[in-house]
């Protein structure tokens, strides 16, 4: 019997990248049977399974915030797996997810500890990660990283 999971609906942004592919594979093979939505850029050539909902839209600086918010409606968890150069794009994603009522956000926190203040202060490239956490907290949404 599959385990009961109260966080059933998961939206993944960046599913075709190195980290996103692994997370998508884990979600697809989980006994919890997640309802998965992927937000992919319109130009993405990713070959995504037909068993998931794929929404093709921009989520970068030119993103339509109303459409982006609509894409997050009804989701329990949002997972962001963005390239390092796109880390600041997650601020729009955080705004949209929070406005749509997403319960949990997993920010683009891969490979380092963005909560380590001293490290972030010494490595300016990590500042967007701190800003993302602060934005999530300001919206009153739970996060894990």
Protein backbone atom coordinates (compact mmCIF):
# COMPACT_ATOMS: atom_id res chain seq x y z
CA UNK A 1 0.00 0.00 0.00
CA UNK A 2 1.34 3.45 -0.93
CA UNK A 3 2.00 5.76 2.02
CA UNK A 4 -0.50 8.54 2.63
CA UNK A 5 0.99 11.89 1.76
CA UNK A 6 -0.69 15.12 2.74
CA UNK A 7 1.59 17.08 0.40
CA UNK A 8 0.44 15.51 -2.83
CA UNK A 9 0.68 18.23 -5.50
CA UNK A 10 4.22 19.22 -6.41
CA UNK A 11 5.31 21.82 -8.95
CA UNK A 12 8.92 21.61 -10.12
CA UNK A 13 10.71 24.44 -11.91
CA UNK A 14 13.93 23.42 -13.65
CA UNK A 15 13.09 19.75 -14.18
CA UNK A 16 15.48 19.29 -17.10
CA UNK A 17 18.63 20.50 -15.33
CA UNK A 18 21.16 18.35 -13.50
CA UNK A 19 19.43 18.60 -10.11
CA UNK A 20 15.89 18.85 -11.45
CA UNK A 21 16.20 15.60 -13.42
CA UNK A 22 17.14 13.68 -10.28
CA UNK A 23 14.31 15.23 -8.26
CA UNK A 24 11.78 14.56 -11.02
CA UNK A 25 12.90 10.94 -11.26
CA UNK A 26 12.54 10.53 -7.49
CA UNK A 27 9.07 12.06 -7.50
CA UNK A 28 7.98 9.82 -10.38
CA UNK A 29 9.20 6.63 -8.70
CA UNK A 30 8.05 7.48 -5.18
CA UNK A 31 5.46 5.15 -3.65
CA UNK A 32 3.67 8.33 -2.50
CA UNK A 33 2.36 8.85 -6.06
CA UNK A 34 2.76 12.61 -6.32
CA UNK A 35 0.68 14.71 -8.70
CA UNK A 36 3.51 16.47 -10.56
CA UNK A 37 3.46 19.69 -12.56
CA UNK A 38 6.56 21.02 -14.29
CA UNK A 39 6.97 24.65 -15.30
CA UNK A 40 9.31 24.69 -18.29
CA UNK A 41 10.55 27.55 -20.42
CA UNK A 42 8.79 27.77 -23.81
CA UNK A 43 12.06 27.08 -25.64
CA UNK A 44 12.90 24.01 -23.55
CA UNK A 45 13.58 20.87 -25.59
CA UNK A 46 13.27 18.65 -22.50
CA UNK A 47 11.62 15.30 -23.13
CA UNK A 48 9.26 15.14 -20.15
CA UNK A 49 7.01 12.17 -19.34
CA UNK A 50 3.43 12.33 -20.60
CA UNK A 51 2.23 11.36 -17.11
CA UNK A 52 2.96 14.83 -15.72
CA UNK A 53 1.37 18.21 -16.33
CA UNK A 54 3.76 20.52 -18.20
CA UNK A 55 3.19 24.27 -18.28
CA UNK A 56 5.43 26.05 -20.76
CA UNK A 57 5.96 29.66 -19.81
CA UNK A 58 8.65 32.20 -19.04
CA UNK A 59 9.59 32.54 -15.39
CA UNK A 60 12.50 34.92 -15.84
CA UNK A 61 12.60 38.72 -15.79
CA UNK A 62 9.92 38.95 -18.52
CA UNK A 63 7.49 36.59 -16.73
CA UNK A 64 3.79 37.42 -16.61
CA UNK A 65 3.23 37.45 -12.83
CA UNK A 66 -0.52 36.81 -13.11
CA UNK A 67 0.01 33.76 -15.35
CA UNK A 68 2.84 32.55 -13.13
CA UNK A 69 0.62 32.79 -10.04
CA UNK A 70 -2.10 30.83 -11.85
CA UNK A 71 0.45 28.09 -12.64
CA UNK A 72 1.05 27.60 -8.89
CA UNK A 73 -2.64 27.48 -7.90
CA UNK A 74 -3.63 24.29 -6.09
CA UNK A 75 -0.05 23.17 -5.47
CA UNK A 76 1.18 22.01 -2.05
CA UNK A 77 4.93 22.23 -2.68
CA UNK A 78 7.07 24.26 -5.10
CA UNK A 79 10.62 23.08 -5.83
CA UNK A 80 13.03 25.40 -7.64
CA UNK A 81 16.04 23.89 -9.43
CA UNK A 82 17.54 26.79 -11.34
CA UNK A 83 20.95 27.34 -12.87
CA UNK A 84 23.21 29.52 -10.69
CA UNK A 85 22.84 32.41 -13.15
CA UNK A 86 19.04 32.24 -12.78
CA UNK A 87 18.92 32.20 -8.97
CA UNK A 88 17.41 35.70 -8.82
CA UNK A 89 14.55 34.51 -11.06
CA UNK A 90 13.21 32.61 -8.07
CA UNK A 91 12.07 35.85 -6.41
CA UNK A 92 9.25 36.08 -8.99
CA UNK A 93 8.55 32.39 -8.44
CA UNK A 94 8.39 32.90 -4.66
CA UNK A 95 5.95 35.79 -5.09
CA UNK A 96 3.75 33.73 -7.39
CA UNK A 97 3.82 30.59 -5.23
CA UNK A 98 2.99 32.53 -2.07
CA UNK A 99 0.17 34.43 -3.78
CA UNK A 100 -1.26 31.12 -5.02
CA UNK A 101 -1.25 29.62 -1.51
CA UNK A 102 1.57 27.08 -1.90
CA UNK A 103 2.25 25.57 1.55
CA UNK A 104 5.97 24.75 1.20
CA UNK A 105 8.75 26.16 -0.97
CA UNK A 106 12.07 24.43 -1.60
CA UNK A 107 14.26 27.29 -2.85
CA UNK A 108 17.23 27.04 -5.17
CA UNK A 109 19.55 26.02 -2.30
CA UNK A 110 21.55 23.21 -3.85
CA UNK A 111 25.21 22.56 -2.93
CA UNK A 112 25.78 25.10 -0.15
CA UNK A 113 24.27 26.34 3.08
CA UNK A 114 22.59 29.65 2.36
CA UNK A 115 21.66 29.99 6.04
CA UNK A 116 25.32 30.32 7.05
CA UNK A 117 25.51 34.11 7.46
CA UNK A 118 29.31 34.26 7.60
CA UNK A 119 29.68 32.22 4.40
CA UNK A 120 27.10 34.31 2.53
CA UNK A 121 28.77 37.52 3.71
CA UNK A 122 32.13 36.31 2.36
CA UNK A 123 30.85 34.92 -0.95
CA UNK A 124 28.69 37.56 -2.66
CA UNK A 125 27.42 35.00 -5.16
CA UNK A 126 25.43 33.37 -2.36
CA UNK A 127 23.53 36.58 -1.52
CA UNK A 128 20.59 35.72 -3.83
CA UNK A 129 20.04 32.58 -1.77
CA UNK A 130 19.73 34.62 1.42
CA UNK A 131 17.39 37.03 -0.37
CA UNK A 132 15.22 34.13 -1.50
CA UNK A 133 14.91 32.75 2.03
CA UNK A 134 14.06 36.20 3.37
CA UNK A 135 11.42 36.65 0.64
CA UNK A 136 9.80 33.31 1.49
CA UNK A 137 9.73 34.16 5.20
CA UNK A 138 8.29 37.63 4.45
CA UNK A 139 5.43 35.96 2.55
CA UNK A 140 4.68 33.72 5.54
CA UNK A 141 5.36 30.50 3.63
CA UNK A 142 7.27 27.55 5.07
CA UNK A 143 10.52 26.52 3.40
CA UNK A 144 13.13 23.84 3.59
CA UNK A 145 16.56 24.00 2.01
